[in-house]
Amino acid sequence: NQEEKALEIAKKLETAIPTSDWAQVSLFKFHLNNNDGDNAVKSMNTVFESKKIDDKIKHRILNEFLIFVKINPKYNPDLEKAISYFKNDTNVKVPKEVAKFYQNQKDYDKAIQYYELHFKNNSEPDFETSILLFQCYVEKLQFDVLSRKAEKMIDLFPSQPQFYYFAGLAYNQLKSFKKAKELLETGIDYLVDDKILEINFNIQLGEAFAGLGDNAKKEVYFKKADDLLKKKK
């Protein structure tokens, strides 16, 4: 079949021209299919170091290696090295895409690791990636770091309700109910046409007032959340 022919040509190329970068593209796929991680890594690194190979091919190889590493986690250090080749890639933010992959797989520790690497490589504030990272912090119950980072984002994006919500949620979990209440009451005023977020704001406001011992207001906000949920159905 076509793949076998391509491999045969690649092997001949590698024998004839050991430095052939294009041969390594096919050999990478061959080694991966044979579950030969060590040789796949060698071929991959040769491709990534090459100036002759198109970036789209490099991205495809990285995606294939990412799936392989998910099943073979001992190659995580090689994945980290592979990602470093794309540090200056302006077209695709590779650490962010890797983080999304892990988040979809519910591997939140790895997702956090690569979202944080994305921010290390990019000094510009990033609204979308911050939201994704904050969702991971919630999943891992990392409320201290969430509270600090959400407040920093409020300073940068003072009219974005999502950051007030995450900060309020974090402070509720940290039992700083007064702080949570203040942030949530401020943030809900910026909310426009987002029923899910409105429901969540009301739940967190209910939690804040419950923590402050104001049961009347707790019930008001829980009822608002319940009414919105019923309307949504």
C-alpha atoms as a PDB file:
ATOM      1  CA  ASN A   1       0.000   0.000   0.000  1.00  0.00           C
ATOM      2  CA  GLN A   2       0.921   3.682  -0.199  1.00  0.00           C
ATOM      3  CA  GLU A   3       2.247   3.896   3.356  1.00  0.00           C
ATOM      4  CA  GLU A   4       4.568   0.917   2.845  1.00  0.00           C
ATOM      5  CA  LYS A   5       5.877   2.433  -0.396  1.00  0.00           C
ATOM      6  CA  ALA A   6       6.471   5.774   1.327  1.00  0.00           C
ATOM      7  CA  LEU A   7       8.321   4.007   4.129  1.00  0.00           C
ATOM      8  CA  GLU A   8      10.463   2.038   1.668  1.00  0.00           C
ATOM      9  CA  ILE A   9      11.447   5.277  -0.080  1.00  0.00           C
ATOM     10  CA  ALA A  10      12.143   6.925   3.294  1.00  0.00           C
ATOM     11  CA  LYS A  11      14.419   4.071   4.364  1.00  0.00           C
ATOM     12  CA  LYS A  12      16.288   4.215   1.053  1.00  0.00           C
ATOM     13  CA  LEU A  13      16.613   7.977   1.430  1.00  0.00           C
ATOM     14  CA  GLU A  14      17.915   7.602   4.964  1.00  0.00           C
ATOM     15  CA  THR A  15      20.491   5.028   3.810  1.00  0.00           C
ATOM     16  CA  ALA A  16      21.557   7.084   0.799  1.00  0.00           C
ATOM     17  CA  ILE A  17      21.396  10.443   2.560  1.00  0.00           C
ATOM     18  CA  PRO A  18      21.501   9.899   6.352  1.00  0.00           C
ATOM     19  CA  THR A  19      20.862  13.600   6.904  1.00  0.00           C
ATOM     20  CA  SER A  20      17.656  13.677   4.799  1.00  0.00           C
ATOM     21  CA  ASP A  21      15.083  15.612   6.810  1.00  0.00           C
ATOM     22  CA  TRP A  22      12.213  14.511   4.576  1.00  0.00           C
ATOM     23  CA  ALA A  23      13.022  10.832   5.205  1.00  0.00           C
ATOM     24  CA  GLN A  24      12.576  11.507   8.927  1.00  0.00           C
ATOM     25  CA  VAL A  25       8.974  12.693   8.382  1.00  0.00           C
ATOM     26  CA  SER A  26       7.980   9.237   7.093  1.00  0.00           C
ATOM     27  CA  LEU A  27      10.211   7.412   9.556  1.00  0.00           C
ATOM     28  CA  PHE A  28       8.611   9.281  12.467  1.00  0.00           C
ATOM     29  CA  LYS A  29       5.212   7.918  11.434  1.00  0.00           C
ATOM     30  CA  PHE A  30       6.659   4.422  10.967  1.00  0.00           C
ATOM     31  CA  HIS A  31       8.305   4.395  14.411  1.00  0.00           C
ATOM     32  CA  LEU A  32       5.141   5.729  16.044  1.00  0.00           C
ATOM     33  CA  ASN A  33       3.017   3.013  14.403  1.00  0.00           C
ATOM     34  CA  ASN A  34       5.506   0.432  15.710  1.00  0.00           C
ATOM     35  CA  ASN A  35       5.293   1.939  19.199  1.00  0.00           C
ATOM     36  CA  ASP A  36       9.021   2.704  19.002  1.00  0.00           C
ATOM     37  CA  GLY A  37       9.041   5.924  20.987  1.00  0.00           C
ATOM     38  CA  ASP A  38      12.815   6.354  21.184  1.00  0.00           C
ATOM     39  CA  ASN A  39      13.333   6.327  17.417  1.00  0.00           C
ATOM     40  CA  ALA A  40      10.156   8.362  16.847  1.00  0.00           C
ATOM     41  CA  VAL A  41      11.630  11.057  19.115  1.00  0.00           C
ATOM     42  CA  LYS A  42      14.909  11.062  17.166  1.00  0.00           C
ATOM     43  CA  SER A  43      13.073  11.482  13.854  1.00  0.00           C
ATOM     44  CA  MET A  44      10.767  14.136  15.315  1.00  0.00           C
ATOM     45  CA  ASN A  45      13.640  16.217  16.695  1.00  0.00           C
ATOM     46  CA  THR A  46      15.436  16.058  13.335  1.00  0.00           C
ATOM     47  CA  VAL A  47      12.282  17.336  11.617  1.00  0.00           C
ATOM     48  CA  PHE A  48      11.767  20.133  14.162  1.00  0.00           C
ATOM     49  CA  GLU A  49      15.368  21.307  13.792  1.00  0.00           C
ATOM     50  CA  SER A  50      15.052  21.393  10.004  1.00  0.00           C
ATOM     51  CA  LYS A  51      14.578  24.674   8.140  1.00  0.00           C
ATOM     52  CA  LYS A  52      13.389  22.756   5.061  1.00  0.00           C
ATOM     53  CA  ILE A  53      10.237  21.209   6.548  1.00  0.00           C
ATOM     54  CA  ASP A  54       7.006  23.227   6.449  1.00  0.00           C
ATOM     55  CA  ASP A  55       5.530  24.348   9.784  1.00  0.00           C
ATOM     56  CA  LYS A  56       2.203  22.646   9.005  1.00  0.00           C
ATOM     57  CA  ILE A  57       3.981  19.280   8.809  1.00  0.00           C
ATOM     58  CA  LYS A  58       5.765  20.025  12.090  1.00  0.00           C
ATOM     59  CA  HIS A  59       2.448  20.852  13.768  1.00  0.00           C
ATOM     60  CA  ARG A  60       0.931  17.612  12.468  1.00  0.00           C
ATOM     61  CA  ILE A  61       3.867  15.609  13.837  1.00  0.00           C
ATOM     62  CA  LEU A  62       3.539  17.335  17.218  1.00  0.00           C
ATOM     63  CA  ASN A  63      -0.192  16.494  17.342  1.00  0.00           C
ATOM     64  CA  GLU A  64       0.518  12.836  16.575  1.00  0.00           C
ATOM     65  CA  PHE A  65       3.253  12.724  19.213  1.00  0.00           C
ATOM     66  CA  LEU A  66       0.934  14.358  21.757  1.00  0.00           C
ATOM     67  CA  ILE A  67      -1.605  11.542  21.334  1.00  0.00           C
ATOM     68  CA  PHE A  68       1.235   8.998  21.632  1.00  0.00           C
ATOM     69  CA  VAL A  69       2.487  10.614  24.868  1.00  0.00           C
ATOM     70  CA  LYS A  70      -0.995  10.487  26.382  1.00  0.00           C
ATOM     71  CA  ILE A  71      -0.748   6.679  26.150  1.00  0.00           C
ATOM     72  CA  ASN A  72       3.016   6.597  26.886  1.00  0.00           C
ATOM     73  CA  PRO A  73       3.593   9.253  29.595  1.00  0.00           C
ATOM     74  CA  LYS A  74       7.283   8.379  30.027  1.00  0.00           C
ATOM     75  CA  TYR A  75       7.873  10.522  26.915  1.00  0.00           C
ATOM     76  CA  ASN A  76       6.549  13.684  28.612  1.00  0.00           C
ATOM     77  CA  PRO A  77      10.073  15.214  28.847  1.00  0.00           C
ATOM     78  CA  ASP A  78      10.443  14.712  25.078  1.00  0.00           C
ATOM     79  CA  LEU A  79       7.079  16.420  24.550  1.00  0.00           C
ATOM     80  CA  GLU A  80       8.252  19.409  26.593  1.00  0.00           C
ATOM     81  CA  LYS A  81      11.411  19.624  24.495  1.00  0.00           C
ATOM     82  CA  ALA A  82       9.317  19.336  21.306  1.00  0.00           C
ATOM     83  CA  ILE A  83       7.072  22.208  22.395  1.00  0.00           C
ATOM     84  CA  SER A  84      10.130  24.397  23.005  1.00  0.00           C
ATOM     85  CA  TYR A  85      10.884  24.280  19.255  1.00  0.00           C
ATOM     86  CA  PHE A  86       7.685  26.295  18.689  1.00  0.00           C
ATOM     87  CA  LYS A  87       8.450  28.997  21.248  1.00  0.00           C
ATOM     88  CA  ASN A  88       8.665  31.738  18.610  1.00  0.00           C
ATOM     89  CA  ASP A  89       5.814  30.457  16.435  1.00  0.00           C
ATOM     90  CA  THR A  90       3.505  33.439  15.876  1.00  0.00           C
ATOM     91  CA  ASN A  91       0.853  31.506  13.919  1.00  0.00           C
ATOM     92  CA  VAL A  92      -0.040  28.811  16.445  1.00  0.00           C
ATOM     93  CA  LYS A  93       0.347  29.138  20.223  1.00  0.00           C
ATOM     94  CA  VAL A  94       1.520  25.559  20.710  1.00  0.00           C
ATOM     95  CA  PRO A  95       1.558  25.343  24.560  1.00  0.00           C
ATOM     96  CA  LYS A  96      -2.018  26.674  24.604  1.00  0.00           C
ATOM     97  CA  GLU A  97      -3.184  24.056  22.080  1.00  0.00           C
ATOM     98  CA  VAL A  98      -1.437  21.308  24.059  1.00  0.00           C
ATOM     99  CA  ALA A  99      -3.127  22.580  27.238  1.00  0.00           C
ATOM    100  CA  LYS A 100      -6.533  22.473  25.524  1.00  0.00           C
ATOM    101  CA  PHE A 101      -5.858  18.879  24.486  1.00  0.00           C
ATOM    102  CA  TYR A 102      -5.138  17.888  28.087  1.00  0.00           C
ATOM    103  CA  GLN A 103      -8.118  19.855  29.403  1.00  0.00           C
ATOM    104  CA  ASN A 104     -10.436  17.995  27.011  1.00  0.00           C
ATOM    105  CA  GLN A 105      -8.890  14.757  28.310  1.00  0.00           C
ATOM    106  CA  LYS A 106      -9.646  15.972  31.873  1.00  0.00           C
ATOM    107  CA  ASP A 107      -5.934  15.881  32.716  1.00  0.00           C
ATOM    108  CA  TYR A 108      -6.084  19.209  34.533  1.00  0.00           C
ATOM    109  CA  ASP A 109      -2.579  19.090  36.032  1.00  0.00           C
ATOM    110  CA  LYS A 110      -1.025  18.847  32.573  1.00  0.00           C
ATOM    111  CA  ALA A 111      -3.431  21.469  31.209  1.00  0.00           C
ATOM    112  CA  ILE A 112      -2.408  23.902  33.965  1.00  0.00           C
ATOM    113  CA  GLN A 113       1.276  23.196  33.267  1.00  0.00           C
ATOM    114  CA  TYR A 114       0.935  24.115  29.580  1.00  0.00           C
ATOM    115  CA  TYR A 115      -1.419  27.082  30.074  1.00  0.00           C
ATOM    116  CA  GLU A 116       1.118  28.506  32.525  1.00  0.00           C
ATOM    117  CA  LEU A 117       3.893  27.866  29.989  1.00  0.00           C
ATOM    118  CA  HIS A 118       1.797  29.770  27.425  1.00  0.00           C
ATOM    119  CA  PHE A 119       1.687  32.781  29.770  1.00  0.00           C
ATOM    120  CA  LYS A 120       5.411  32.482  30.473  1.00  0.00           C
ATOM    121  CA  ASN A 121       6.090  32.710  26.714  1.00  0.00           C
ATOM    122  CA  ASN A 122       3.537  35.494  26.085  1.00  0.00           C
ATOM    123  CA  SER A 123       3.554  38.639  28.184  1.00  0.00           C
ATOM    124  CA  GLU A 124       0.310  39.977  26.651  1.00  0.00           C
ATOM    125  CA  PRO A 125      -2.842  39.329  28.736  1.00  0.00           C
ATOM    126  CA  ASP A 126      -5.001  36.661  27.118  1.00  0.00           C
ATOM    127  CA  PHE A 127      -8.720  36.668  27.971  1.00  0.00           C
ATOM    128  CA  GLU A 128      -9.677  33.275  26.509  1.00  0.00           C
ATOM    129  CA  THR A 129      -6.687  31.365  27.895  1.00  0.00           C
ATOM    130  CA  SER A 130      -7.182  32.888  31.348  1.00  0.00           C
ATOM    131  CA  ILE A 131     -10.766  31.593  31.461  1.00  0.00           C
ATOM    132  CA  LEU A 132      -9.615  28.100  30.424  1.00  0.00           C
ATOM    133  CA  LEU A 133      -6.814  28.134  33.010  1.00  0.00           C
ATOM    134  CA  PHE A 134      -9.203  29.307  35.739  1.00  0.00           C
ATOM    135  CA  GLN A 135     -11.588  26.433  34.919  1.00  0.00           C
ATOM    136  CA  CYS A 136      -8.674  24.044  35.499  1.00  0.00           C
ATOM    137  CA  TYR A 137      -7.821  25.695  38.831  1.00  0.00           C
ATOM    138  CA  VAL A 138     -11.432  25.130  39.932  1.00  0.00           C
ATOM    139  CA  GLU A 139     -11.260  21.449  38.918  1.00  0.00           C
ATOM    140  CA  LYS A 140      -8.060  21.029  40.971  1.00  0.00           C
ATOM    141  CA  LEU A 141      -9.432  23.080  43.907  1.00  0.00           C
ATOM    142  CA  GLN A 142      -6.536  25.550  43.608  1.00  0.00           C
ATOM    143  CA  PHE A 143      -8.504  28.462  45.021  1.00  0.00           C
ATOM    144  CA  ASP A 144      -5.627  30.461  46.477  1.00  0.00           C
ATOM    145  CA  VAL A 145      -3.854  30.891  43.132  1.00  0.00           C
ATOM    146  CA  LEU A 146      -7.236  31.379  41.423  1.00  0.00           C
ATOM    147  CA  SER A 147      -8.177  34.264  43.735  1.00  0.00           C
ATOM    148  CA  ARG A 148      -4.879  36.061  43.083  1.00  0.00           C
ATOM    149  CA  LYS A 149      -4.854  35.584  39.316  1.00  0.00           C
ATOM    150  CA  ALA A 150      -8.549  36.424  38.896  1.00  0.00           C
ATOM    151  CA  GLU A 151      -8.045  39.721  40.753  1.00  0.00           C
ATOM    152  CA  LYS A 152      -5.084  40.556  38.514  1.00  0.00           C
ATOM    153  CA  MET A 153      -7.319  39.994  35.485  1.00  0.00           C
ATOM    154  CA  ILE A 154      -9.987  42.256  37.016  1.00  0.00           C
ATOM    155  CA  ASP A 155      -7.359  45.019  37.117  1.00  0.00           C
ATOM    156  CA  LEU A 156      -6.661  44.446  33.399  1.00  0.00           C
ATOM    157  CA  PHE A 157     -10.279  43.835  32.305  1.00  0.00           C
ATOM    158  CA  PRO A 158     -12.432  45.718  34.840  1.00  0.00           C
ATOM    159  CA  SER A 159     -15.688  45.276  32.885  1.00  0.00           C
ATOM    160  CA  GLN A 160     -15.412  41.502  32.280  1.00  0.00           C
ATOM    161  CA  PRO A 161     -17.813  39.698  34.654  1.00  0.00           C
ATOM    162  CA  GLN A 162     -16.141  36.283  34.261  1.00  0.00           C
ATOM    163  CA  PHE A 163     -13.125  37.364  36.308  1.00  0.00           C
ATOM    164  CA  TYR A 164     -15.296  38.704  39.153  1.00  0.00           C
ATOM    165  CA  TYR A 165     -17.134  35.376  39.142  1.00  0.00           C
ATOM    166  CA  PHE A 166     -13.953  33.306  39.427  1.00  0.00           C
ATOM    167  CA  ALA A 167     -12.539  35.618  42.113  1.00  0.00           C
ATOM    168  CA  GLY A 168     -15.823  35.456  44.054  1.00  0.00           C
ATOM    169  CA  LEU A 169     -15.997  31.674  43.778  1.00  0.00           C
ATOM    170  CA  ALA A 170     -12.393  31.377  44.986  1.00  0.00           C
ATOM    171  CA  TYR A 171     -12.938  33.662  47.988  1.00  0.00           C
ATOM    172  CA  ASN A 172     -16.087  31.740  48.945  1.00  0.00           C
ATOM    173  CA  GLN A 173     -14.050  28.528  48.981  1.00  0.00           C
ATOM    174  CA  LEU A 174     -11.367  30.280  51.036  1.00  0.00           C
ATOM    175  CA  LYS A 175     -14.145  31.409  53.437  1.00  0.00           C
ATOM    176  CA  SER A 176     -13.442  35.095  52.756  1.00  0.00           C
ATOM    177  CA  PHE A 177     -17.165  35.684  52.335  1.00  0.00           C
ATOM    178  CA  LYS A 178     -17.161  39.491  52.631  1.00  0.00           C
ATOM    179  CA  LYS A 179     -14.546  39.779  49.878  1.00  0.00           C
ATOM    180  CA  ALA A 180     -16.487  37.287  47.736  1.00  0.00           C
ATOM    181  CA  LYS A 181     -19.732  39.233  48.196  1.00  0.00           C
ATOM    182  CA  GLU A 182     -18.133  42.545  47.186  1.00  0.00           C
ATOM    183  CA  LEU A 183     -16.557  41.106  44.032  1.00  0.00           C
ATOM    184  CA  LEU A 184     -19.692  39.223  42.984  1.00  0.00           C
ATOM    185  CA  GLU A 185     -21.976  42.232  43.548  1.00  0.00           C
ATOM    186  CA  THR A 186     -19.653  44.371  41.417  1.00  0.00           C
ATOM    187  CA  GLY A 187     -19.245  41.786  38.676  1.00  0.00           C
ATOM    188  CA  ILE A 188     -22.909  40.911  38.224  1.00  0.00           C
ATOM    189  CA  ASP A 189     -23.576  44.520  37.148  1.00  0.00           C
ATOM    190  CA  TYR A 190     -21.386  43.949  34.071  1.00  0.00           C
ATOM    191  CA  LEU A 191     -23.320  40.848  33.040  1.00  0.00           C
ATOM    192  CA  VAL A 192     -25.139  40.958  29.682  1.00  0.00           C
ATOM    193  CA  ASP A 193     -27.086  38.059  28.094  1.00  0.00           C
ATOM    194  CA  ASP A 194     -25.281  35.138  29.696  1.00  0.00           C
ATOM    195  CA  LYS A 195     -27.832  33.037  31.575  1.00  0.00           C
ATOM    196  CA  ILE A 196     -25.396  30.332  32.677  1.00  0.00           C
ATOM    197  CA  LEU A 197     -23.010  32.870  34.185  1.00  0.00           C
ATOM    198  CA  GLU A 198     -25.948  34.725  35.773  1.00  0.00           C
ATOM    199  CA  ILE A 199     -27.108  31.484  37.427  1.00  0.00           C
ATOM    200  CA  ASN A 200     -23.580  30.848  38.716  1.00  0.00           C
ATOM    201  CA  PHE A 201     -23.244  34.418  40.020  1.00  0.00           C
ATOM    202  CA  ASN A 202     -26.481  34.036  41.994  1.00  0.00           C
ATOM    203  CA  ILE A 203     -25.379  30.684  43.427  1.00  0.00           C
ATOM    204  CA  GLN A 204     -22.063  32.185  44.565  1.00  0.00           C
ATOM    205  CA  LEU A 205     -23.812  35.245  46.014  1.00  0.00           C
ATOM    206  CA  GLY A 206     -26.096  32.857  47.920  1.00  0.00           C
ATOM    207  CA  GLU A 207     -23.010  31.027  49.214  1.00  0.00           C
ATOM    208  CA  ALA A 208     -21.377  34.313  50.254  1.00  0.00           C
ATOM    209  CA  PHE A 209     -24.433  35.475  52.213  1.00  0.00           C
ATOM    210  CA  ALA A 210     -24.771  32.010  53.777  1.00  0.00           C
ATOM    211  CA  GLY A 211     -21.161  32.328  54.948  1.00  0.00           C
ATOM    212  CA  LEU A 212     -21.920  35.795  56.349  1.00  0.00           C
ATOM    213  CA  GLY A 213     -24.921  34.396  58.250  1.00  0.00           C
ATOM    214  CA  ASP A 214     -27.537  36.361  56.249  1.00  0.00           C
ATOM    215  CA  ASN A 215     -30.024  33.566  55.531  1.00  0.00           C
ATOM    216  CA  ALA A 216     -32.676  35.888  54.105  1.00  0.00           C
ATOM    217  CA  LYS A 217     -30.358  37.139  51.332  1.00  0.00           C
ATOM    218  CA  LYS A 218     -28.977  33.630  50.829  1.00  0.00           C
ATOM    219  CA  GLU A 219     -32.516  32.434  50.016  1.00  0.00           C
ATOM    220  CA  VAL A 220     -33.129  35.412  47.698  1.00  0.00           C
ATOM    221  CA  TYR A 221     -30.093  34.567  45.550  1.00  0.00           C
ATOM    222  CA  PHE A 222     -30.660  30.812  45.573  1.00  0.00           C
ATOM    223  CA  LYS A 223     -34.262  31.438  44.456  1.00  0.00           C
ATOM    224  CA  LYS A 224     -33.033  33.720  41.645  1.00  0.00           C
ATOM    225  CA  ALA A 225     -30.672  30.974  40.484  1.00  0.00           C
ATOM    226  CA  ASP A 226     -33.458  28.385  40.674  1.00  0.00           C
ATOM    227  CA  ASP A 227     -35.901  30.584  38.715  1.00  0.00           C
ATOM    228  CA  LEU A 228     -33.296  31.179  35.998  1.00  0.00           C
ATOM    229  CA  LEU A 229     -32.628  27.437  35.787  1.00  0.00           C
ATOM    230  CA  LYS A 230     -36.350  26.728  35.329  1.00  0.00           C
ATOM    231  CA  LYS A 231     -36.607  29.376  32.587  1.00  0.00           C
ATOM    232  CA  LYS A 232     -33.589  27.888  30.858  1.00  0.00           C
ATOM    233  CA  LYS A 233     -35.359  24.518  30.650  1.00  0.00           C
END
